[in-house]
Amino acid sequence: MSDAAQPTAAEVRAAAEAVKTALDRHLAAVERRTGEDDPAVYEAFNELAAAAEEYDELLYDRYDEVTPFEIPGAEEALPPYTGPEEPNALSVLIRRDYAVVEPQRLLAQAQRVEAADEEAVLESSAGTVHGALGVLFGEFEPDEIASRHKEFGLEEGDSTLWVTATDEPAEPGEWLEAPFEQVDPQRVVCRFDVSAVFDDQSDEDLEEDLGPDPELDEDEDLEPLDADR
C-alpha cells in the first residue's frame, strides 16, 4: 500500500475508540439479555466483530501491526436468523459419518440380531455388509449406534446437528422423498458440529504457542504420537 493510501493516525485512533464503544455495548447487551437467543446480544456481537476487524485492518495498514482478535469469516458462520421468534414447530437435521473399519465385527453383530429373531432366520440379510447395516440400523436407534459404534466395527467421522424453525408441522409424508432439501440457513436456530479437524487445529495452535522444544536436538528423530491420544 502506498503512503498516500495509508490511513491516518487519527483514523486508527477513531477505529480503536469504536472498538471500545462496541465492547461496552456488547457487555451491556449480555448483562441485559432476556434469553439464550437474545437478538440484541447477537446484534452487539456483530457490531463488535465489525469494529474489531476494521481496527485490525487500519492498524496493519498504518503501523504494520496486528491484534490478537480472530474474527470468524462469513463462510464459517450462519447468516442472521430471520425465522419466527417463537417457532410453532421444529425440524432437527442430523448427519453422522462412519467408516466401516471392521466388517467382520459388523457382520457378527448383525447375525446375533437375526439369531434372536425367529422370523429373520428364514430370510437372512446379515451375510453382506450392506445387509448387515440394514439389520443394525433397523434394530438400534441412531443414538445407540453412535454411542456403541466400536462394537459394530464402525469408526466415527464428522457429524452435525441442525435445529431449524418452521411455521407449522409438516404434513405426514410431505418431505419424505427429499428430507434434506430446501433447508433455509436463515431459519437455523442452532447447530452443533463435531469433527477431527477441530482437534487438529487445536494441536496446531498449541504447537505454535509452545514453539520448538529447546531440549530437542535438531537431528533427533521424533517418535510419532499415539493416534488415540
C-alpha atoms as a PDB file:
ATOM      1  CA  MET A   1       0.000   0.000   0.000  1.00  0.00           C
ATOM      2  CA  SER A   2       1.363   3.411  -0.932  1.00  0.00           C
ATOM      3  CA  ASP A   3       1.926   6.095   1.674  1.00  0.00           C
ATOM      4  CA  ALA A   4      -0.818   8.215   0.118  1.00  0.00           C
ATOM      5  CA  ALA A   5      -3.384   5.435   0.590  1.00  0.00           C
ATOM      6  CA  GLN A   6      -2.433   4.669   4.169  1.00  0.00           C
ATOM      7  CA  PRO A   7      -4.947   5.549   6.893  1.00  0.00           C
ATOM      8  CA  THR A   8      -4.037   8.437   9.140  1.00  0.00           C
ATOM      9  CA  ALA A   9      -3.136   8.068  12.792  1.00  0.00           C
ATOM     10  CA  ALA A  10      -6.423   9.789  13.629  1.00  0.00           C
ATOM     11  CA  GLU A  11      -8.361   7.188  11.658  1.00  0.00           C
ATOM     12  CA  VAL A  12      -6.633   4.372  13.507  1.00  0.00           C
ATOM     13  CA  ARG A  13      -7.366   6.092  16.824  1.00  0.00           C
ATOM     14  CA  ALA A  14     -11.028   6.531  15.843  1.00  0.00           C
ATOM     15  CA  ALA A  15     -11.252   2.835  14.950  1.00  0.00           C
ATOM     16  CA  ALA A  16      -9.790   1.934  18.351  1.00  0.00           C
ATOM     17  CA  GLU A  17     -12.403   4.117  20.065  1.00  0.00           C
ATOM     18  CA  ALA A  18     -15.110   2.382  18.016  1.00  0.00           C
ATOM     19  CA  VAL A  19     -13.902  -0.981  19.337  1.00  0.00           C
ATOM     20  CA  LYS A  20     -14.122   0.316  22.920  1.00  0.00           C
ATOM     21  CA  THR A  21     -17.649   1.592  22.332  1.00  0.00           C
ATOM     22  CA  ALA A  22     -18.743  -1.666  20.694  1.00  0.00           C
ATOM     23  CA  LEU A  23     -17.190  -3.627  23.551  1.00  0.00           C
ATOM     24  CA  ASP A  24     -19.182  -1.642  26.109  1.00  0.00           C
ATOM     25  CA  ARG A  25     -22.382  -2.124  24.113  1.00  0.00           C
ATOM     26  CA  HIS A  26     -21.783  -5.858  23.837  1.00  0.00           C
ATOM     27  CA  LEU A  27     -21.226  -6.211  27.583  1.00  0.00           C
ATOM     28  CA  ALA A  28     -24.344  -4.168  28.300  1.00  0.00           C
ATOM     29  CA  ALA A  29     -26.392  -6.336  25.932  1.00  0.00           C
ATOM     30  CA  VAL A  30     -25.093  -9.508  27.599  1.00  0.00           C
ATOM     31  CA  GLU A  31     -25.937  -8.123  31.040  1.00  0.00           C
ATOM     32  CA  ARG A  32     -29.484  -7.301  29.888  1.00  0.00           C
ATOM     33  CA  ARG A  33     -30.047 -10.446  27.839  1.00  0.00           C
ATOM     34  CA  THR A  34     -33.560 -11.847  28.011  1.00  0.00           C
ATOM     35  CA  GLY A  35     -32.784 -15.357  26.826  1.00  0.00           C
ATOM     36  CA  GLU A  36     -30.266 -17.634  25.162  1.00  0.00           C
ATOM     37  CA  ASP A  37     -31.052 -16.286  21.680  1.00  0.00           C
ATOM     38  CA  ASP A  38     -31.494 -12.609  22.556  1.00  0.00           C
ATOM     39  CA  PRO A  39     -31.284 -10.710  19.227  1.00  0.00           C
ATOM     40  CA  ALA A  40     -29.760  -7.676  20.992  1.00  0.00           C
ATOM     41  CA  VAL A  41     -26.755  -9.776  22.026  1.00  0.00           C
ATOM     42  CA  TYR A  42     -26.406 -11.144  18.508  1.00  0.00           C
ATOM     43  CA  GLU A  43     -26.508  -7.627  17.035  1.00  0.00           C
ATOM     44  CA  ALA A  44     -23.974  -6.317  19.557  1.00  0.00           C
ATOM     45  CA  PHE A  45     -21.692  -9.252  18.803  1.00  0.00           C
ATOM     46  CA  ASN A  46     -21.758  -8.478  15.080  1.00  0.00           C
ATOM     47  CA  GLU A  47     -21.061  -4.794  15.726  1.00  0.00           C
ATOM     48  CA  LEU A  48     -18.108  -5.677  17.941  1.00  0.00           C
ATOM     49  CA  ALA A  49     -16.746  -8.098  15.345  1.00  0.00           C
ATOM     50  CA  ALA A  50     -17.033  -5.496  12.585  1.00  0.00           C
ATOM     51  CA  ALA A  51     -15.359  -2.789  14.699  1.00  0.00           C
ATOM     52  CA  ALA A  52     -12.517  -5.109  15.684  1.00  0.00           C
ATOM     53  CA  GLU A  53     -11.945  -6.167  12.088  1.00  0.00           C
ATOM     54  CA  GLU A  54     -11.881  -2.547  10.910  1.00  0.00           C
ATOM     55  CA  TYR A  55      -9.393  -1.602  13.623  1.00  0.00           C
ATOM     56  CA  ASP A  56      -7.210  -4.606  12.828  1.00  0.00           C
ATOM     57  CA  GLU A  57      -7.046  -3.661   9.141  1.00  0.00           C
ATOM     58  CA  LEU A  58      -6.281   0.024   9.774  1.00  0.00           C
ATOM     59  CA  LEU A  59      -3.676  -0.831  12.403  1.00  0.00           C
ATOM     60  CA  TYR A  60      -1.907  -3.132   9.965  1.00  0.00           C
ATOM     61  CA  ASP A  61      -2.091  -0.667   7.069  1.00  0.00           C
ATOM     62  CA  ARG A  62      -0.747   2.200   9.163  1.00  0.00           C
ATOM     63  CA  TYR A  63       1.740   0.540  11.524  1.00  0.00           C
ATOM     64  CA  ASP A  64       2.236  -2.986  10.127  1.00  0.00           C
ATOM     65  CA  GLU A  65       0.926  -4.380  13.419  1.00  0.00           C
ATOM     66  CA  VAL A  66      -1.838  -6.858  14.181  1.00  0.00           C
ATOM     67  CA  THR A  67      -4.257  -7.503  17.029  1.00  0.00           C
ATOM     68  CA  PRO A  68      -4.903 -10.805  18.845  1.00  0.00           C
ATOM     69  CA  PHE A  69      -8.522 -10.747  17.640  1.00  0.00           C
ATOM     70  CA  GLU A  70      -9.708 -13.611  15.436  1.00  0.00           C
ATOM     71  CA  ILE A  71     -12.870 -12.688  13.547  1.00  0.00           C
ATOM     72  CA  PRO A  72     -14.750 -15.668  12.079  1.00  0.00           C
ATOM     73  CA  GLY A  73     -15.113 -15.444   8.326  1.00  0.00           C
ATOM     74  CA  ALA A  74     -18.554 -15.157   6.790  1.00  0.00           C
ATOM     75  CA  GLU A  75     -18.222 -18.630   5.299  1.00  0.00           C
ATOM     76  CA  GLU A  76     -17.741 -20.079   8.797  1.00  0.00           C
ATOM     77  CA  ALA A  77     -20.925 -18.629  10.299  1.00  0.00           C
ATOM     78  CA  LEU A  78     -24.616 -18.946   9.642  1.00  0.00           C
ATOM     79  CA  PRO A  79     -26.447 -15.921   8.221  1.00  0.00           C
ATOM     80  CA  PRO A  80     -28.584 -13.865  10.615  1.00  0.00           C
ATOM     81  CA  TYR A  81     -31.634 -15.712  11.894  1.00  0.00           C
ATOM     82  CA  THR A  82     -34.832 -14.446  10.287  1.00  0.00           C
ATOM     83  CA  GLY A  83     -37.273 -17.095  11.465  1.00  0.00           C
ATOM     84  CA  PRO A  84     -40.086 -16.633  13.971  1.00  0.00           C
ATOM     85  CA  GLU A  85     -39.130 -15.576  17.497  1.00  0.00           C
ATOM     86  CA  GLU A  86     -41.493 -18.208  18.891  1.00  0.00           C
ATOM     87  CA  PRO A  87     -41.425 -21.140  16.436  1.00  0.00           C
ATOM     88  CA  ASN A  88     -44.540 -23.280  16.298  1.00  0.00           C
ATOM     89  CA  ALA A  89     -42.572 -26.292  15.040  1.00  0.00           C
ATOM     90  CA  LEU A  90     -39.018 -27.527  14.632  1.00  0.00           C
ATOM     91  CA  SER A  91     -37.091 -29.750  12.254  1.00  0.00           C
ATOM     92  CA  VAL A  92     -33.951 -31.464  13.534  1.00  0.00           C
ATOM     93  CA  LEU A  93     -31.499 -32.474  10.818  1.00  0.00           C
ATOM     94  CA  ILE A  94     -28.709 -34.876  11.768  1.00  0.00           C
ATOM     95  CA  ARG A  95     -25.821 -36.248   9.745  1.00  0.00           C
ATOM     96  CA  ARG A  96     -23.254 -38.689  11.109  1.00  0.00           C
ATOM     97  CA  ASP A  97     -20.489 -40.224   9.003  1.00  0.00           C
ATOM     98  CA  TYR A  98     -18.860 -43.577   9.756  1.00  0.00           C
ATOM     99  CA  ALA A  99     -16.128 -45.709   8.222  1.00  0.00           C
ATOM    100  CA  VAL A 100     -16.595 -49.477   8.211  1.00  0.00           C
ATOM    101  CA  VAL A 101     -13.236 -50.481   9.692  1.00  0.00           C
ATOM    102  CA  GLU A 102     -14.084 -53.990  10.936  1.00  0.00           C
ATOM    103  CA  PRO A 103     -16.554 -55.631   8.535  1.00  0.00           C
ATOM    104  CA  GLN A 104     -16.400 -58.982  10.342  1.00  0.00           C
ATOM    105  CA  ARG A 105     -17.433 -57.371  13.613  1.00  0.00           C
ATOM    106  CA  LEU A 106     -20.288 -55.627  11.810  1.00  0.00           C
ATOM    107  CA  LEU A 107     -21.449 -58.905  10.248  1.00  0.00           C
ATOM    108  CA  ALA A 108     -21.203 -60.749  13.564  1.00  0.00           C
ATOM    109  CA  GLN A 109     -23.351 -58.194  15.356  1.00  0.00           C
ATOM    110  CA  ALA A 110     -25.990 -58.293  12.636  1.00  0.00           C
ATOM    111  CA  GLN A 111     -26.035 -62.103  12.742  1.00  0.00           C
ATOM    112  CA  ARG A 112     -26.597 -62.004  16.522  1.00  0.00           C
ATOM    113  CA  VAL A 113     -29.586 -59.728  15.990  1.00  0.00           C
ATOM    114  CA  GLU A 114     -31.048 -62.047  13.374  1.00  0.00           C
ATOM    115  CA  ALA A 115     -30.366 -65.119  15.504  1.00  0.00           C
ATOM    116  CA  ALA A 116     -32.581 -63.645  18.208  1.00  0.00           C
ATOM    117  CA  ASP A 117     -35.357 -63.025  15.700  1.00  0.00           C
ATOM    118  CA  GLU A 118     -37.050 -66.269  14.716  1.00  0.00           C
ATOM    119  CA  GLU A 119     -38.754 -64.697  11.689  1.00  0.00           C
ATOM    120  CA  ALA A 120     -35.453 -63.371  10.314  1.00  0.00           C
ATOM    121  CA  VAL A 121     -33.794 -66.786  10.301  1.00  0.00           C
ATOM    122  CA  LEU A 122     -35.781 -67.864   7.268  1.00  0.00           C
ATOM    123  CA  GLU A 123     -34.546 -64.932   5.160  1.00  0.00           C
ATOM    124  CA  SER A 124     -31.181 -63.689   6.409  1.00  0.00           C
ATOM    125  CA  SER A 125     -29.876 -60.237   5.406  1.00  0.00           C
ATOM    126  CA  ALA A 126     -26.752 -60.260   7.559  1.00  0.00           C
ATOM    127  CA  GLY A 127     -24.465 -62.037   5.104  1.00  0.00           C
ATOM    128  CA  THR A 128     -23.254 -58.853   3.383  1.00  0.00           C
ATOM    129  CA  VAL A 129     -22.033 -55.518   4.732  1.00  0.00           C
ATOM    130  CA  HIS A 130     -24.892 -53.522   3.259  1.00  0.00           C
ATOM    131  CA  GLY A 131     -27.361 -56.095   4.530  1.00  0.00           C
ATOM    132  CA  ALA A 132     -25.786 -56.049   7.988  1.00  0.00           C
ATOM    133  CA  LEU A 133     -26.049 -52.271   8.083  1.00  0.00           C
ATOM    134  CA  GLY A 134     -29.750 -52.514   7.315  1.00  0.00           C
ATOM    135  CA  VAL A 135     -30.211 -55.041  10.111  1.00  0.00           C
ATOM    136  CA  LEU A 136     -28.348 -52.990  12.712  1.00  0.00           C
ATOM    137  CA  PHE A 137     -29.868 -49.611  11.854  1.00  0.00           C
ATOM    138  CA  GLY A 138     -33.270 -51.273  11.801  1.00  0.00           C
ATOM    139  CA  GLU A 139     -32.724 -52.748  15.250  1.00  0.00           C
ATOM    140  CA  PHE A 140     -30.951 -49.911  17.092  1.00  0.00           C
ATOM    141  CA  GLU A 141     -31.666 -46.218  17.419  1.00  0.00           C
ATOM    142  CA  PRO A 142     -29.083 -43.950  15.701  1.00  0.00           C
ATOM    143  CA  ASP A 143     -28.025 -42.515  19.072  1.00  0.00           C
ATOM    144  CA  GLU A 144     -27.311 -46.013  20.389  1.00  0.00           C
ATOM    145  CA  ILE A 145     -25.238 -46.860  17.335  1.00  0.00           C
ATOM    146  CA  ALA A 146     -23.331 -43.607  17.834  1.00  0.00           C
ATOM    147  CA  SER A 147     -22.533 -44.492  21.438  1.00  0.00           C
ATOM    148  CA  ARG A 148     -21.636 -48.105  20.613  1.00  0.00           C
ATOM    149  CA  HIS A 149     -20.096 -47.629  17.159  1.00  0.00           C
ATOM    150  CA  LYS A 150     -16.885 -49.519  18.017  1.00  0.00           C
ATOM    151  CA  GLU A 151     -18.911 -52.604  18.935  1.00  0.00           C
ATOM    152  CA  PHE A 152     -20.336 -52.541  15.420  1.00  0.00           C
ATOM    153  CA  GLY A 153     -16.954 -52.211  13.695  1.00  0.00           C
ATOM    154  CA  LEU A 154     -17.506 -48.557  12.813  1.00  0.00           C
ATOM    155  CA  GLU A 155     -15.282 -45.510  13.178  1.00  0.00           C
ATOM    156  CA  GLU A 156     -16.803 -42.079  13.693  1.00  0.00           C
ATOM    157  CA  GLY A 157     -16.296 -39.322  11.134  1.00  0.00           C
ATOM    158  CA  ASP A 158     -17.758 -35.826  11.108  1.00  0.00           C
ATOM    159  CA  SER A 159     -21.226 -35.192  12.475  1.00  0.00           C
ATOM    160  CA  THR A 160     -23.576 -32.231  12.594  1.00  0.00           C
ATOM    161  CA  LEU A 161     -26.972 -31.420  14.076  1.00  0.00           C
ATOM    162  CA  TRP A 162     -29.126 -28.535  12.872  1.00  0.00           C
ATOM    163  CA  VAL A 163     -32.259 -27.279  14.609  1.00  0.00           C
ATOM    164  CA  THR A 164     -34.442 -25.298  12.194  1.00  0.00           C
ATOM    165  CA  ALA A 165     -37.606 -23.344  12.876  1.00  0.00           C
ATOM    166  CA  THR A 166     -40.739 -23.946  10.814  1.00  0.00           C
ATOM    167  CA  ASP A 167     -44.084 -22.164  10.748  1.00  0.00           C
ATOM    168  CA  GLU A 168     -46.188 -25.288  11.066  1.00  0.00           C
ATOM    169  CA  PRO A 169     -45.517 -29.003  11.443  1.00  0.00           C
ATOM    170  CA  ALA A 170     -45.175 -30.730   8.088  1.00  0.00           C
ATOM    171  CA  GLU A 171     -47.998 -32.888   6.805  1.00  0.00           C
ATOM    172  CA  PRO A 172     -47.393 -36.647   7.104  1.00  0.00           C
ATOM    173  CA  GLY A 173     -45.191 -37.796   4.239  1.00  0.00           C
ATOM    174  CA  GLU A 174     -44.711 -34.249   2.925  1.00  0.00           C
ATOM    175  CA  TRP A 175     -40.915 -34.259   2.810  1.00  0.00           C
ATOM    176  CA  LEU A 176     -40.038 -37.947   2.837  1.00  0.00           C
ATOM    177  CA  GLU A 177     -38.906 -38.038  -0.809  1.00  0.00           C
ATOM    178  CA  ALA A 178     -36.297 -35.299  -0.262  1.00  0.00           C
ATOM    179  CA  PRO A 179     -35.854 -34.818   3.505  1.00  0.00           C
ATOM    180  CA  PHE A 180     -32.749 -32.615   3.374  1.00  0.00           C
ATOM    181  CA  GLU A 181     -33.633 -30.282   0.531  1.00  0.00           C
ATOM    182  CA  GLN A 182     -34.841 -26.705   0.846  1.00  0.00           C
ATOM    183  CA  VAL A 183     -33.246 -26.032   4.215  1.00  0.00           C
ATOM    184  CA  ASP A 184     -33.238 -22.270   4.822  1.00  0.00           C
ATOM    185  CA  PRO A 185     -29.967 -21.322   6.607  1.00  0.00           C
ATOM    186  CA  GLN A 186     -31.667 -18.219   7.981  1.00  0.00           C
ATOM    187  CA  ARG A 187     -34.089 -20.425   9.907  1.00  0.00           C
ATOM    188  CA  VAL A 188     -31.398 -22.438  11.669  1.00  0.00           C
ATOM    189  CA  VAL A 189     -31.919 -21.820  15.377  1.00  0.00           C
ATOM    190  CA  CYS A 190     -28.652 -23.522  16.344  1.00  0.00           C
ATOM    191  CA  ARG A 191     -26.193 -26.102  15.067  1.00  0.00           C
ATOM    192  CA  PHE A 192     -23.600 -28.360  16.633  1.00  0.00           C
ATOM    193  CA  ASP A 193     -20.641 -29.746  14.683  1.00  0.00           C
ATOM    194  CA  VAL A 194     -18.150 -32.455  15.639  1.00  0.00           C
ATOM    195  CA  SER A 195     -15.050 -33.009  13.522  1.00  0.00           C
ATOM    196  CA  ALA A 196     -11.487 -34.197  13.966  1.00  0.00           C
ATOM    197  CA  VAL A 197     -10.385 -31.068  12.097  1.00  0.00           C
ATOM    198  CA  PHE A 198     -11.177 -29.031  15.209  1.00  0.00           C
ATOM    199  CA  ASP A 199      -8.798 -31.211  17.243  1.00  0.00           C
ATOM    200  CA  ASP A 200      -6.115 -30.835  14.572  1.00  0.00           C
ATOM    201  CA  GLN A 201      -6.470 -27.053  14.650  1.00  0.00           C
ATOM    202  CA  SER A 202      -6.171 -27.042  18.451  1.00  0.00           C
ATOM    203  CA  ASP A 203      -2.993 -29.121  18.261  1.00  0.00           C
ATOM    204  CA  GLU A 204      -1.504 -26.766  15.657  1.00  0.00           C
ATOM    205  CA  ASP A 205      -2.345 -23.724  17.777  1.00  0.00           C
ATOM    206  CA  LEU A 206      -0.738 -25.363  20.816  1.00  0.00           C
ATOM    207  CA  GLU A 207       2.429 -26.190  18.881  1.00  0.00           C
ATOM    208  CA  GLU A 208       2.669 -22.591  17.643  1.00  0.00           C
ATOM    209  CA  ASP A 209       2.251 -21.282  21.200  1.00  0.00           C
ATOM    210  CA  LEU A 210       4.838 -23.622  22.671  1.00  0.00           C
ATOM    211  CA  GLY A 211       7.380 -23.296  19.870  1.00  0.00           C
ATOM    212  CA  PRO A 212      10.212 -25.773  19.303  1.00  0.00           C
ATOM    213  CA  ASP A 213      11.441 -27.855  22.236  1.00  0.00           C
ATOM    214  CA  PRO A 214      14.756 -26.280  23.324  1.00  0.00           C
ATOM    215  CA  GLU A 215      15.939 -29.625  24.712  1.00  0.00           C
ATOM    216  CA  LEU A 216      15.374 -31.467  21.438  1.00  0.00           C
ATOM    217  CA  ASP A 217      18.423 -31.873  19.262  1.00  0.00           C
ATOM    218  CA  GLU A 218      17.753 -30.725  15.682  1.00  0.00           C
ATOM    219  CA  ASP A 219      18.944 -34.059  14.297  1.00  0.00           C
ATOM    220  CA  GLU A 220      16.965 -36.152  16.790  1.00  0.00           C
ATOM    221  CA  ASP A 221      14.061 -38.101  15.316  1.00  0.00           C
ATOM    222  CA  LEU A 222      10.632 -37.573  16.807  1.00  0.00           C
ATOM    223  CA  GLU A 223       8.550 -40.553  17.834  1.00  0.00           C
ATOM    224  CA  PRO A 224       5.099 -40.497  16.220  1.00  0.00           C
ATOM    225  CA  LEU A 225       2.262 -39.537  18.524  1.00  0.00           C
ATOM    226  CA  ASP A 226      -0.229 -42.169  19.586  1.00  0.00           C
ATOM    227  CA  ALA A 227      -3.195 -41.714  17.241  1.00  0.00           C
ATOM    228  CA  ASP A 228      -5.625 -42.499  20.059  1.00  0.00           C
ATOM    229  CA  ARG A 229      -4.217 -39.873  22.399  1.00  0.00           C
END
